[in-house]
PDB file of N, CA and C in Angstrom:
ATOM      1  N   MET A   1     112.841 119.275 135.138  1.00  0.00           N
ATOM      2  CA  MET A   1     112.378 117.980 134.817  1.00  0.00           C
ATOM      3  C   MET A   1     112.066 117.919 133.274  1.00  0.00           C
ATOM      4  N   TYR A   2     112.643 116.941 132.609  1.00  0.00           N
ATOM      5  CA  TYR A   2     112.490 116.786 131.164  1.00  0.00           C
ATOM      6  C   TYR A   2     111.342 115.878 130.859  1.00  0.00           C
ATOM      7  N   ILE A   3     110.414 116.300 130.057  1.00  0.00           N
ATOM      8  CA  ILE A   3     109.303 115.463 129.661  1.00  0.00           C
ATOM      9  C   ILE A   3     109.519 115.210 128.141  1.00  0.00           C
ATOM     10  N   PRO A   4     109.640 113.937 127.723  1.00  0.00           N
ATOM     11  CA  PRO A   4     109.742 113.651 126.353  1.00  0.00           C
ATOM     12  C   PRO A   4     108.594 114.111 125.519  1.00  0.00           C
ATOM     13  N   ARG A   5     108.910 114.474 124.298  1.00  0.00           N
ATOM     14  CA  ARG A   5     107.860 115.017 123.405  1.00  0.00           C
ATOM     15  C   ARG A   5     106.707 113.969 123.205  1.00  0.00           C
ATOM     16  N   SER A   6     107.070 112.688 123.135  1.00  0.00           N
ATOM     17  CA  SER A   6     106.042 111.703 122.914  1.00  0.00           C
ATOM     18  C   SER A   6     105.100 111.592 124.099  1.00  0.00           C
ATOM     19  N   VAL A   7     105.568 111.745 125.298  1.00  0.00           N
ATOM     20  CA  VAL A   7     104.713 111.696 126.463  1.00  0.00           C
ATOM     21  C   VAL A   7     103.837 112.898 126.524  1.00  0.00           C
ATOM     22  N   LEU A   8     104.371 114.067 126.209  1.00  0.00           N
ATOM     23  CA  LEU A   8     103.639 115.292 126.224  1.00  0.00           C
ATOM     24  C   LEU A   8     102.476 115.249 125.211  1.00  0.00           C
ATOM     25  N   VAL A   9     102.779 114.793 124.052  1.00  0.00           N
ATOM     26  CA  VAL A   9     101.700 114.659 123.000  1.00  0.00           C
ATOM     27  C   VAL A   9     100.672 113.669 123.387  1.00  0.00           C
ATOM     28  N   LEU A  10     101.065 112.541 124.001  1.00  0.00           N
ATOM     29  CA  LEU A  10     100.153 111.562 124.453  1.00  0.00           C
ATOM     30  C   LEU A  10      99.208 112.093 125.513  1.00  0.00           C
ATOM     31  N   LEU A  11      99.742 112.862 126.485  1.00  0.00           N
ATOM     32  CA  LEU A  11      98.887 113.409 127.502  1.00  0.00           C
ATOM     33  C   LEU A  11      97.877 114.426 126.924  1.00  0.00           C
ATOM     34  N   VAL A  12      98.326 115.220 125.993  1.00  0.00           N
ATOM     35  CA  VAL A  12      97.433 116.232 125.381  1.00  0.00           C
ATOM     36  C   VAL A  12      96.290 115.529 124.551  1.00  0.00           C
ATOM     37  N   VAL A  13      96.726 114.487 123.855  1.00  0.00           N
ATOM     38  CA  VAL A  13      95.717 113.764 123.021  1.00  0.00           C
ATOM     39  C   VAL A  13      94.745 113.036 123.917  1.00  0.00           C
ATOM     40  N   ILE A  14      95.226 112.416 125.004  1.00  0.00           N
ATOM     41  CA  ILE A  14      94.283 111.771 125.942  1.00  0.00           C
ATOM     42  C   ILE A  14      93.287 112.771 126.492  1.00  0.00           C
ATOM     43  N   TYR A  15      93.793 113.918 126.900  1.00  0.00           N
ATOM     44  CA  TYR A  15      92.920 114.945 127.553  1.00  0.00           C
ATOM     45  C   TYR A  15      91.881 115.391 126.495  1.00  0.00           C
ATOM     46  N   VAL A  16      92.305 115.700 125.318  1.00  0.00           N
ATOM     47  CA  VAL A  16      91.358 116.207 124.303  1.00  0.00           C
ATOM     48  C   VAL A  16      90.342 115.172 123.909  1.00  0.00           C
ATOM     49  N   LEU A  17      90.814 113.923 123.695  1.00  0.00           N
ATOM     50  CA  LEU A  17      89.869 112.882 123.307  1.00  0.00           C
ATOM     51  C   LEU A  17      88.902 112.508 124.427  1.00  0.00           C
ATOM     52  N   PHE A  18      89.380 112.614 125.649  1.00  0.00           N
ATOM     53  CA  PHE A  18      88.485 112.338 126.752  1.00  0.00           C
ATOM     54  C   PHE A  18      87.335 113.339 126.847  1.00  0.00           C
ATOM     55  N   MET A  19      87.703 114.640 126.668  1.00  0.00           N
ATOM     56  CA  MET A  19      86.682 115.677 126.747  1.00  0.00           C
ATOM     57  C   MET A  19      85.688 115.581 125.544  1.00  0.00           C
ATOM     58  N   LEU A  20      86.194 115.229 124.422  1.00  0.00           N
ATOM     59  CA  LEU A  20      85.345 115.169 123.231  1.00  0.00           C
ATOM     60  C   LEU A  20      84.488 113.936 123.099  1.00  0.00           C
ATOM     61  N   SER A  21      85.025 112.843 123.685  1.00  0.00           N
ATOM     62  CA  SER A  21      84.396 111.539 123.345  1.00  0.00           C
ATOM     63  C   SER A  21      83.648 110.856 124.485  1.00  0.00           C
ATOM     64  N   VAL A  22      83.528 111.456 125.631  1.00  0.00           N
ATOM     65  CA  VAL A  22      82.876 110.807 126.764  1.00  0.00           C
ATOM     66  C   VAL A  22      81.436 110.400 126.374  1.00  0.00           C
ATOM     67  N   ASP A  23      80.671 111.384 125.842  1.00  0.00           N
ATOM     68  CA  ASP A  23      79.253 111.124 125.506  1.00  0.00           C
ATOM     69  C   ASP A  23      79.180 110.071 124.292  1.00  0.00           C
ATOM     70  N   TRP A  24      80.082 110.242 123.374  1.00  0.00           N
ATOM     71  CA  TRP A  24      80.110 109.320 122.204  1.00  0.00           C
ATOM     72  C   TRP A  24      80.338 107.878 122.646  1.00  0.00           C
ATOM     73  N   ILE A  25      81.299 107.697 123.544  1.00  0.00           N
ATOM     74  CA  ILE A  25      81.646 106.328 123.976  1.00  0.00           C
ATOM     75  C   ILE A  25      80.532 105.684 124.765  1.00  0.00           C
ATOM     76  N   ASN A  26      79.878 106.519 125.639  1.00  0.00           N
ATOM     77  CA  ASN A  26      78.885 105.954 126.558  1.00  0.00           C
ATOM     78  C   ASN A  26      77.488 105.824 126.008  1.00  0.00           C
ATOM     79  N   GLN A  27      77.275 106.090 124.721  1.00  0.00           N
ATOM     80  CA  GLN A  27      75.933 105.940 124.170  1.00  0.00           C
ATOM     81  C   GLN A  27      75.506 104.487 124.203  1.00  0.00           C
ATOM     82  N   THR A  28      74.332 104.206 124.682  1.00  0.00           N
ATOM     83  CA  THR A  28      73.871 102.812 124.783  1.00  0.00           C
ATOM     84  C   THR A  28      73.559 102.172 123.427  1.00  0.00           C
ATOM     85  N   ASP A  29      73.188 102.967 122.472  1.00  0.00           N
ATOM     86  CA  ASP A  29      72.838 102.410 121.155  1.00  0.00           C
ATOM     87  C   ASP A  29      74.015 102.346 120.229  1.00  0.00           C
ATOM     88  N   GLY A  30      75.242 102.628 120.663  1.00  0.00           N
ATOM     89  CA  GLY A  30      76.458 102.662 119.880  1.00  0.00           C
ATOM     90  C   GLY A  30      77.032 101.253 119.704  1.00  0.00           C
ATOM     91  N   ALA A  31      78.073 101.197 118.899  1.00  0.00           N
ATOM     92  CA  ALA A  31      78.719  99.941 118.636  1.00  0.00           C
ATOM     93  C   ALA A  31      79.646  99.562 119.845  1.00  0.00           C
ATOM     94  N   TRP A  32      79.842  98.272 120.006  1.00  0.00           N
ATOM     95  CA  TRP A  32      80.586  97.776 121.172  1.00  0.00           C
ATOM     96  C   TRP A  32      82.090  98.135 121.095  1.00  0.00           C
ATOM     97  N   TYR A  33      82.596  98.397 119.873  1.00  0.00           N
ATOM     98  CA  TYR A  33      83.990  98.612 119.716  1.00  0.00           C
ATOM     99  C   TYR A  33      84.405 100.057 119.748  1.00  0.00           C
ATOM    100  N   ARG A  34      83.537 100.987 120.153  1.00  0.00           N
ATOM    101  CA  ARG A  34      83.871 102.407 120.172  1.00  0.00           C
ATOM    102  C   ARG A  34      85.050 102.679 121.192  1.00  0.00           C
ATOM    103  N   PRO A  35      85.015 102.177 122.409  1.00  0.00           N
ATOM    104  CA  PRO A  35      86.119 102.440 123.319  1.00  0.00           C
ATOM    105  C   PRO A  35      87.465 101.938 122.833  1.00  0.00           C
ATOM    106  N   PHE A  36      87.400 100.825 122.069  1.00  0.00           N
ATOM    107  CA  PHE A  36      88.665 100.259 121.501  1.00  0.00           C
ATOM    108  C   PHE A  36      89.164 101.151 120.375  1.00  0.00           C
ATOM    109  N   LEU A  37      88.315 101.789 119.623  1.00  0.00           N
ATOM    110  CA  LEU A  37      88.778 102.701 118.571  1.00  0.00           C
ATOM    111  C   LEU A  37      89.508 103.919 119.195  1.00  0.00           C
ATOM    112  N   VAL A  38      89.006 104.401 120.305  1.00  0.00           N
ATOM    113  CA  VAL A  38      89.657 105.543 120.950  1.00  0.00           C
ATOM    114  C   VAL A  38      91.005 105.120 121.490  1.00  0.00           C
ATOM    115  N   GLY A  39      91.081 103.934 122.070  1.00  0.00           N
ATOM    116  CA  GLY A  39      92.379 103.435 122.608  1.00  0.00           C
ATOM    117  C   GLY A  39      93.368 103.166 121.476  1.00  0.00           C
ATOM    118  N   LEU A  40      92.894 102.670 120.341  1.00  0.00           N
ATOM    119  CA  LEU A  40      93.744 102.428 119.223  1.00  0.00           C
ATOM    120  C   LEU A  40      94.292 103.752 118.638  1.00  0.00           C
ATOM    121  N   LEU A  41      93.489 104.736 118.669  1.00  0.00           N
ATOM    122  CA  LEU A  41      93.899 106.081 118.190  1.00  0.00           C
ATOM    123  C   LEU A  41      94.922 106.677 119.107  1.00  0.00           C
ATOM    124  N   ILE A  42      94.772 106.491 120.418  1.00  0.00           N
ATOM    125  CA  ILE A  42      95.783 106.999 121.422  1.00  0.00           C
ATOM    126  C   ILE A  42      97.080 106.293 121.215  1.00  0.00           C
ATOM    127  N   ILE A  43      97.070 104.953 121.036  1.00  0.00           N
ATOM    128  CA  ILE A  43      98.255 104.214 120.781  1.00  0.00           C
ATOM    129  C   ILE A  43      98.936 104.637 119.511  1.00  0.00           C
ATOM    130  N   GLY A  44      98.137 104.858 118.476  1.00  0.00           N
ATOM    131  CA  GLY A  44      98.706 105.274 117.198  1.00  0.00           C
ATOM    132  C   GLY A  44      99.432 106.644 117.272  1.00  0.00           C
ATOM    133  N   VAL A  45      98.808 107.586 117.976  1.00  0.00           N
ATOM    134  CA  VAL A  45      99.378 108.917 118.118  1.00  0.00           C
ATOM    135  C   VAL A  45     100.649 108.790 118.916  1.00  0.00           C
ATOM    136  N   ALA A  46     100.704 107.988 119.994  1.00  0.00           N
ATOM    137  CA  ALA A  46     101.912 107.868 120.752  1.00  0.00           C
ATOM    138  C   ALA A  46     103.022 107.229 119.930  1.00  0.00           C
ATOM    139  N   ALA A  47     102.734 106.218 119.179  1.00  0.00           N
ATOM    140  CA  ALA A  47     103.689 105.575 118.292  1.00  0.00           C
ATOM    141  C   ALA A  47     104.226 106.519 117.247  1.00  0.00           C
ATOM    142  N   TRP A  48     103.324 107.317 116.636  1.00  0.00           N
ATOM    143  CA  TRP A  48     103.749 108.293 115.683  1.00  0.00           C
ATOM    144  C   TRP A  48     104.682 109.366 116.258  1.00  0.00           C
ATOM    145  N   SER A  49     104.407 109.836 117.487  1.00  0.00           N
ATOM    146  CA  SER A  49     105.228 110.898 118.052  1.00  0.00           C
ATOM    147  C   SER A  49     106.559 110.339 118.532  1.00  0.00           C
ATOM    148  N   ASN A  50     106.629 109.030 118.749  1.00  0.00           N
ATOM    149  CA  ASN A  50     107.842 108.425 119.307  1.00  0.00           C
ATOM    150  C   ASN A  50     108.772 107.941 118.137  1.00  0.00           C
ATOM    151  N   ARG A  51     108.285 107.924 116.970  1.00  0.00           N
ATOM    152  CA  ARG A  51     109.092 107.330 115.840  1.00  0.00           C
ATOM    153  C   ARG A  51     110.272 108.184 115.453  1.00  0.00           C
ATOM    154  N   LYS A  52     110.282 109.463 115.707  1.00  0.00           N
ATOM    155  CA  LYS A  52     111.391 110.343 115.301  1.00  0.00           C
ATOM    156  C   LYS A  52     112.521 110.458 116.270  1.00  0.00           C
ATOM    157  N   GLN A  53     112.454 109.858 117.449  1.00  0.00           N
ATOM    158  CA  GLN A  53     113.421 109.897 118.392  1.00  0.00           C
ATOM    159  C   GLN A  53     114.643 109.067 118.011  1.00  0.00           C
ATOM    160  N   ASP A  54     115.796 109.567 118.323  1.00  0.00           N
ATOM    161  CA  ASP A  54     117.033 108.822 118.085  1.00  0.00           C
ATOM    162  C   ASP A  54     117.140 107.678 119.131  1.00  0.00           C
ATOM    163  N   SER A  55     117.913 106.698 118.849  1.00  0.00           N
ATOM    164  CA  SER A  55     118.095 105.595 119.789  1.00  0.00           C
ATOM    165  C   SER A  55     118.793 106.050 121.056  1.00  0.00           C
ATOM    166  N   ASP A  56     119.507 107.153 121.041  1.00  0.00           N
ATOM    167  CA  ASP A  56     120.142 107.665 122.185  1.00  0.00           C
ATOM    168  C   ASP A  56     119.197 108.314 123.183  1.00  0.00           C
ATOM    169  N   GLU A  57     118.062 108.793 122.684  1.00  0.00           N
ATOM    170  CA  GLU A  57     117.060 109.412 123.513  1.00  0.00           C
ATOM    171  C   GLU A  57     116.181 108.459 124.315  1.00  0.00           C
ATOM    172  N   VAL A  58     116.111 107.224 123.873  1.00  0.00           N
ATOM    173  CA  VAL A  58     115.186 106.264 124.434  1.00  0.00           C
ATOM    174  C   VAL A  58     115.625 105.802 125.754  1.00  0.00           C
TER     175      VAL A  58
END
């Protein structure tokens, strides 16, 4: 089974960010946009890892 590099990087980043940021996101005195920053970072990493693929790989 072939797993594209972008998917593999996305899964690793999601796992690492989830473990490191659960307490940070759930703080009651934190800013309302914290979960959105994490989501934006995940999307950015996925887009960055997908940019080098040839059009034949997509």
